[in-house]
Amino acid sequence: EDCNLYTYDMRKLDIALTVHQDHVSAVLDVDYSPTGREFVSGSYDRSVRIFSYNGQRSREVYFGKRMQRVFAVRYSGDGCYVLSGSDDMNVRVWKSNASQQLGTLLPREKHKH
């Protein structure tokens, strides 16, 4: 219970390829994205974190004032959202890329893409 996540090569289970750090308490659930390039983790430290499969540090951190220990995390089928279930009996929906704008673009924004 060192609060880290480990990625292994199935052919060499004695050495971890990557140690994913940032949680400060036990990790309770992990789920890979549909692309397999990222995974989401939920922890006893009341946070949800998204890691790259080969990155040591999380790229996104989600938490709320009232959110309790996170027991379950899942990616949506299209990979756009992360769902988390916590000890406070709530299921929360987060964007998998927090800075990504969702919804209808305004006419002036359509020309930027």
N, C-alpha and C. Protein backbone atom coordinates (compact mmCIF):
# COMPACT_ATOMS: atom_id res chain seq x y z
N GLU A 1 0.84 -1.19 0.00
CA GLU A 1 0.00 0.00 0.00
C GLU A 1 0.88 1.25 0.00
N ASP A 2 1.61 1.43 -1.11
CA ASP A 2 2.50 2.59 -1.20
C ASP A 2 1.89 3.72 -2.03
N CYS A 3 0.61 3.61 -2.37
CA CYS A 3 -0.13 4.68 -3.05
C CYS A 3 0.28 4.88 -4.51
N ASN A 4 1.04 3.98 -5.07
CA ASN A 4 1.47 4.09 -6.46
C ASN A 4 0.74 3.06 -7.33
N LEU A 5 0.75 3.31 -8.63
CA LEU A 5 0.26 2.35 -9.62
C LEU A 5 1.45 1.90 -10.44
N TYR A 6 1.42 0.66 -10.90
CA TYR A 6 2.55 0.11 -11.63
C TYR A 6 2.09 -0.46 -12.97
N THR A 7 2.92 -0.25 -14.01
CA THR A 7 2.68 -0.85 -15.30
C THR A 7 3.81 -1.84 -15.55
N TYR A 8 3.42 -3.07 -15.93
CA TYR A 8 4.38 -4.15 -16.15
C TYR A 8 4.31 -4.66 -17.58
N ASP A 9 5.41 -5.22 -18.03
CA ASP A 9 5.45 -6.02 -19.24
C ASP A 9 5.16 -7.45 -18.80
N MET A 10 4.18 -8.09 -19.41
CA MET A 10 3.77 -9.42 -18.98
C MET A 10 4.90 -10.45 -19.11
N ARG A 11 5.89 -10.14 -19.92
CA ARG A 11 7.01 -11.08 -20.07
C ARG A 11 8.05 -10.92 -18.97
N LYS A 12 8.03 -9.75 -18.27
CA LYS A 12 8.99 -9.49 -17.19
C LYS A 12 8.25 -8.89 -16.01
N LEU A 13 7.66 -9.71 -15.21
CA LEU A 13 6.87 -9.21 -14.09
C LEU A 13 7.71 -8.85 -12.87
N ASP A 14 9.01 -9.03 -12.94
CA ASP A 14 9.85 -8.69 -11.79
C ASP A 14 10.25 -7.21 -11.76
N ILE A 15 10.10 -6.52 -12.91
CA ILE A 15 10.48 -5.10 -12.98
C ILE A 15 9.32 -4.30 -13.56
N ALA A 16 8.92 -3.23 -12.86
CA ALA A 16 7.85 -2.36 -13.35
C ALA A 16 8.39 -1.45 -14.45
N LEU A 17 7.65 -1.35 -15.54
CA LEU A 17 8.05 -0.44 -16.62
C LEU A 17 7.90 1.01 -16.18
N THR A 18 6.77 1.32 -15.54
CA THR A 18 6.49 2.68 -15.10
C THR A 18 5.83 2.65 -13.74
N VAL A 19 6.26 3.56 -12.88
CA VAL A 19 5.61 3.75 -11.58
C VAL A 19 4.82 5.05 -11.68
N HIS A 20 3.52 4.96 -11.56
CA HIS A 20 2.64 6.12 -11.66
C HIS A 20 2.38 6.65 -10.26
N GLN A 21 2.80 7.88 -10.02
CA GLN A 21 2.73 8.48 -8.69
C GLN A 21 1.70 9.60 -8.66
N ASP A 22 1.38 10.10 -7.55
CA ASP A 22 0.57 11.29 -7.27
C ASP A 22 -0.51 11.03 -6.22
N HIS A 23 -1.03 9.81 -6.12
CA HIS A 23 -2.02 9.56 -5.08
C HIS A 23 -1.33 9.58 -3.72
N VAL A 24 -2.04 10.01 -2.69
CA VAL A 24 -1.47 10.05 -1.35
C VAL A 24 -2.12 9.03 -0.42
N SER A 25 -3.00 8.20 -0.97
CA SER A 25 -3.62 7.14 -0.20
C SER A 25 -3.88 5.96 -1.14
N ALA A 26 -4.39 4.88 -0.61
CA ALA A 26 -4.56 3.64 -1.37
C ALA A 26 -5.44 3.85 -2.60
N VAL A 27 -5.04 3.23 -3.72
CA VAL A 27 -5.82 3.27 -4.95
C VAL A 27 -6.81 2.11 -4.91
N LEU A 28 -8.10 2.42 -5.17
CA LEU A 28 -9.14 1.41 -5.05
C LEU A 28 -9.66 0.88 -6.38
N ASP A 29 -9.54 1.64 -7.47
CA ASP A 29 -10.03 1.16 -8.75
C ASP A 29 -9.26 1.81 -9.89
N VAL A 30 -9.13 1.06 -10.99
CA VAL A 30 -8.43 1.52 -12.19
C VAL A 30 -9.22 1.05 -13.40
N ASP A 31 -9.28 1.89 -14.45
CA ASP A 31 -9.92 1.50 -15.70
C ASP A 31 -9.17 2.14 -16.85
N TYR A 32 -8.89 1.35 -17.89
CA TYR A 32 -8.21 1.87 -19.08
C TYR A 32 -9.21 2.54 -20.01
N SER A 33 -8.72 3.55 -20.73
CA SER A 33 -9.55 4.23 -21.73
C SER A 33 -9.78 3.29 -22.91
N PRO A 34 -10.78 3.56 -23.74
CA PRO A 34 -11.02 2.71 -24.91
C PRO A 34 -9.83 2.64 -25.88
N THR A 35 -9.01 3.66 -25.90
CA THR A 35 -7.83 3.64 -26.78
C THR A 35 -6.67 2.86 -26.17
N GLY A 36 -6.68 2.67 -24.86
CA GLY A 36 -5.60 1.98 -24.18
C GLY A 36 -4.39 2.83 -23.92
N ARG A 37 -4.45 4.10 -24.25
CA ARG A 37 -3.30 5.00 -24.08
C ARG A 37 -3.31 5.71 -22.73
N GLU A 38 -4.43 5.66 -22.02
CA GLU A 38 -4.55 6.31 -20.71
C GLU A 38 -5.36 5.41 -19.79
N PHE A 39 -5.26 5.71 -18.50
CA PHE A 39 -6.13 5.03 -17.54
C PHE A 39 -6.51 6.01 -16.45
N VAL A 40 -7.62 5.72 -15.81
CA VAL A 40 -8.15 6.55 -14.74
C VAL A 40 -8.08 5.74 -13.45
N SER A 41 -7.81 6.42 -12.35
CA SER A 41 -7.73 5.75 -11.06
C SER A 41 -8.52 6.53 -10.02
N GLY A 42 -9.12 5.79 -9.10
CA GLY A 42 -9.83 6.39 -7.99
C GLY A 42 -9.20 5.94 -6.69
N SER A 43 -9.16 6.84 -5.72
CA SER A 43 -8.38 6.55 -4.53
C SER A 43 -9.11 6.90 -3.24
N TYR A 44 -8.56 6.38 -2.17
CA TYR A 44 -9.04 6.67 -0.81
C TYR A 44 -8.77 8.13 -0.46
N ASP A 45 -7.88 8.79 -1.21
CA ASP A 45 -7.56 10.20 -0.93
C ASP A 45 -8.59 11.17 -1.53
N ARG A 46 -9.73 10.62 -2.01
CA ARG A 46 -10.86 11.41 -2.50
C ARG A 46 -10.57 12.10 -3.84
N SER A 47 -9.73 11.50 -4.64
CA SER A 47 -9.42 12.10 -5.94
C SER A 47 -9.55 11.06 -7.05
N VAL A 48 -9.79 11.58 -8.26
CA VAL A 48 -9.81 10.79 -9.48
C VAL A 48 -8.70 11.37 -10.35
N ARG A 49 -7.82 10.51 -10.83
CA ARG A 49 -6.68 10.98 -11.62
C ARG A 49 -6.59 10.23 -12.94
N ILE A 50 -6.17 10.94 -13.98
CA ILE A 50 -5.96 10.33 -15.29
C ILE A 50 -4.46 10.34 -15.58
N PHE A 51 -3.94 9.16 -15.92
CA PHE A 51 -2.53 8.97 -16.23
C PHE A 51 -2.37 8.52 -17.67
N SER A 52 -1.27 8.92 -18.29
CA SER A 52 -0.86 8.33 -19.56
C SER A 52 -0.28 6.96 -19.25
N TYR A 53 -0.38 6.03 -20.17
CA TYR A 53 0.11 4.67 -19.89
C TYR A 53 1.61 4.64 -19.61
N ASN A 54 2.36 5.62 -20.11
CA ASN A 54 3.80 5.63 -19.88
C ASN A 54 4.26 6.86 -19.09
N GLY A 55 3.33 7.61 -18.49
CA GLY A 55 3.70 8.79 -17.73
C GLY A 55 3.72 8.53 -16.24
N GLN A 56 4.63 9.18 -15.55
CA GLN A 56 4.74 8.97 -14.11
C GLN A 56 3.76 9.83 -13.32
N ARG A 57 3.40 10.96 -13.85
CA ARG A 57 2.52 11.90 -13.13
C ARG A 57 1.17 11.99 -13.83
N SER A 58 0.14 12.30 -13.07
CA SER A 58 -1.21 12.40 -13.64
C SER A 58 -1.35 13.69 -14.45
N ARG A 59 -2.14 13.64 -15.51
CA ARG A 59 -2.36 14.83 -16.33
C ARG A 59 -3.62 15.56 -15.92
N GLU A 60 -4.56 14.88 -15.27
CA GLU A 60 -5.79 15.51 -14.79
C GLU A 60 -6.07 15.02 -13.37
N VAL A 61 -6.58 15.92 -12.54
CA VAL A 61 -6.98 15.56 -11.18
C VAL A 61 -8.39 16.11 -10.96
N TYR A 62 -9.28 15.26 -10.48
CA TYR A 62 -10.65 15.68 -10.21
C TYR A 62 -10.97 15.39 -8.75
N PHE A 63 -11.55 16.38 -8.08
CA PHE A 63 -12.01 16.19 -6.72
C PHE A 63 -13.03 17.27 -6.41
N GLY A 64 -13.82 17.05 -5.40
CA GLY A 64 -14.82 18.03 -4.98
C GLY A 64 -14.81 18.16 -3.48
N LYS A 65 -15.35 19.26 -2.98
CA LYS A 65 -15.38 19.50 -1.54
C LYS A 65 -16.10 18.39 -0.79
N ARG A 66 -17.21 17.96 -1.34
CA ARG A 66 -18.03 16.99 -0.64
C ARG A 66 -17.76 15.55 -1.07
N MET A 67 -16.88 15.36 -2.02
CA MET A 67 -16.60 14.01 -2.51
C MET A 67 -15.83 13.21 -1.46
N GLN A 68 -16.27 12.00 -1.23
CA GLN A 68 -15.62 11.12 -0.27
C GLN A 68 -14.71 10.14 -1.00
N ARG A 69 -14.29 9.09 -0.34
CA ARG A 69 -13.39 8.10 -0.94
C ARG A 69 -14.00 7.54 -2.22
N VAL A 70 -13.19 7.44 -3.25
CA VAL A 70 -13.66 6.99 -4.56
C VAL A 70 -13.44 5.48 -4.65
N PHE A 71 -14.54 4.75 -4.83
CA PHE A 71 -14.47 3.29 -4.89
C PHE A 71 -14.54 2.74 -6.31
N ALA A 72 -15.07 3.51 -7.27
CA ALA A 72 -15.23 2.99 -8.62
C ALA A 72 -14.99 4.09 -9.64
N VAL A 73 -14.27 3.76 -10.70
CA VAL A 73 -14.05 4.69 -11.82
C VAL A 73 -14.20 3.92 -13.12
N ARG A 74 -14.74 4.57 -14.14
CA ARG A 74 -14.91 3.96 -15.46
C ARG A 74 -14.83 5.04 -16.52
N TYR A 75 -14.29 4.66 -17.67
CA TYR A 75 -14.34 5.50 -18.86
C TYR A 75 -15.66 5.25 -19.57
N SER A 76 -16.20 6.27 -20.22
CA SER A 76 -17.36 6.06 -21.08
C SER A 76 -16.90 5.32 -22.33
N GLY A 77 -17.83 4.78 -23.08
CA GLY A 77 -17.49 4.01 -24.27
C GLY A 77 -16.74 4.80 -25.33
N ASP A 78 -17.02 6.11 -25.43
CA ASP A 78 -16.32 6.93 -26.42
C ASP A 78 -15.06 7.59 -25.87
N GLY A 79 -14.80 7.43 -24.58
CA GLY A 79 -13.60 7.99 -23.97
C GLY A 79 -13.67 9.46 -23.66
N CYS A 80 -14.83 10.09 -23.84
CA CYS A 80 -14.96 11.53 -23.58
C CYS A 80 -15.24 11.85 -22.11
N TYR A 81 -15.74 10.89 -21.38
CA TYR A 81 -16.13 11.13 -19.99
C TYR A 81 -15.55 10.07 -19.08
N VAL A 82 -15.40 10.45 -17.82
CA VAL A 82 -15.00 9.53 -16.76
C VAL A 82 -16.10 9.56 -15.71
N LEU A 83 -16.51 8.39 -15.27
CA LEU A 83 -17.53 8.28 -14.23
C LEU A 83 -16.86 7.81 -12.95
N SER A 84 -17.27 8.38 -11.82
CA SER A 84 -16.71 7.97 -10.54
C SER A 84 -17.83 7.76 -9.53
N GLY A 85 -17.67 6.75 -8.72
CA GLY A 85 -18.60 6.47 -7.64
C GLY A 85 -17.87 6.55 -6.33
N SER A 86 -18.42 7.31 -5.38
CA SER A 86 -17.71 7.53 -4.13
C SER A 86 -18.55 7.12 -2.93
N ASP A 87 -17.93 7.21 -1.77
CA ASP A 87 -18.51 6.77 -0.51
C ASP A 87 -19.71 7.62 -0.10
N ASP A 88 -19.88 8.78 -0.70
CA ASP A 88 -21.01 9.65 -0.36
C ASP A 88 -22.26 9.30 -1.16
N MET A 89 -22.26 8.13 -1.83
CA MET A 89 -23.39 7.60 -2.58
C MET A 89 -23.72 8.41 -3.83
N ASN A 90 -22.74 9.07 -4.41
CA ASN A 90 -22.94 9.84 -5.64
C ASN A 90 -22.12 9.26 -6.77
N VAL A 91 -22.67 9.35 -7.97
CA VAL A 91 -21.93 9.04 -9.18
C VAL A 91 -21.71 10.37 -9.89
N ARG A 92 -20.47 10.66 -10.20
CA ARG A 92 -20.13 11.92 -10.84
C ARG A 92 -19.63 11.66 -12.26
N VAL A 93 -19.91 12.59 -13.15
CA VAL A 93 -19.45 12.50 -14.53
C VAL A 93 -18.47 13.66 -14.76
N TRP A 94 -17.27 13.32 -15.22
CA TRP A 94 -16.22 14.30 -15.47
C TRP A 94 -15.84 14.23 -16.95
N LYS A 95 -15.37 15.35 -17.51
CA LYS A 95 -14.81 15.31 -18.86
C LYS A 95 -13.43 14.67 -18.77
N SER A 96 -13.09 13.80 -19.71
CA SER A 96 -11.77 13.16 -19.65
C SER A 96 -10.66 14.14 -20.03
N ASN A 97 -11.00 15.19 -20.73
CA ASN A 97 -10.06 16.26 -21.04
C ASN A 97 -10.70 17.55 -20.54
N ALA A 98 -10.28 18.00 -19.36
CA ALA A 98 -10.95 19.10 -18.69
C ALA A 98 -10.97 20.39 -19.49
N SER A 99 -9.97 20.63 -20.31
CA SER A 99 -9.91 21.89 -21.06
C SER A 99 -10.69 21.83 -22.37
N GLN A 100 -11.15 20.66 -22.76
CA GLN A 100 -11.88 20.52 -24.02
C GLN A 100 -13.27 21.13 -23.91
N GLN A 101 -13.62 21.94 -24.88
CA GLN A 101 -14.94 22.56 -24.90
C GLN A 101 -15.93 21.57 -25.50
N LEU A 102 -17.03 21.38 -24.83
CA LEU A 102 -18.08 20.50 -25.32
C LEU A 102 -19.30 21.33 -25.70
N GLY A 103 -20.10 20.81 -26.57
CA GLY A 103 -21.32 21.51 -26.94
C GLY A 103 -21.23 22.12 -28.32
N THR A 104 -22.20 22.94 -28.64
CA THR A 104 -22.30 23.57 -29.95
C THR A 104 -21.34 24.75 -30.04
N LEU A 105 -20.63 24.83 -31.15
CA LEU A 105 -19.73 25.95 -31.39
C LEU A 105 -20.51 27.15 -31.89
N LEU A 106 -20.09 28.31 -31.46
CA LEU A 106 -20.65 29.55 -31.98
C LEU A 106 -20.13 29.78 -33.39
N PRO A 107 -20.84 30.56 -34.22
CA PRO A 107 -20.38 30.78 -35.60
C PRO A 107 -18.95 31.32 -35.68
N ARG A 108 -18.56 32.19 -34.78
CA ARG A 108 -17.20 32.75 -34.84
C ARG A 108 -16.14 31.73 -34.40
N GLU A 109 -16.54 30.70 -33.67
CA GLU A 109 -15.59 29.68 -33.24
C GLU A 109 -15.36 28.60 -34.29
N LYS A 110 -16.30 28.43 -35.21
CA LYS A 110 -16.19 27.38 -36.23
C LYS A 110 -15.03 27.63 -37.17
N HIS A 111 -14.64 28.86 -37.37
CA HIS A 111 -13.56 29.19 -38.30
C HIS A 111 -12.19 28.89 -37.71
N LYS A 112 -12.09 28.72 -36.40
CA LYS A 112 -10.81 28.47 -35.76
C LYS A 112 -10.37 27.03 -35.94
N HIS A 113 -11.30 26.13 -36.26
CA HIS A 113 -10.95 24.70 -36.28
C HIS A 113 -10.70 24.26 -37.66
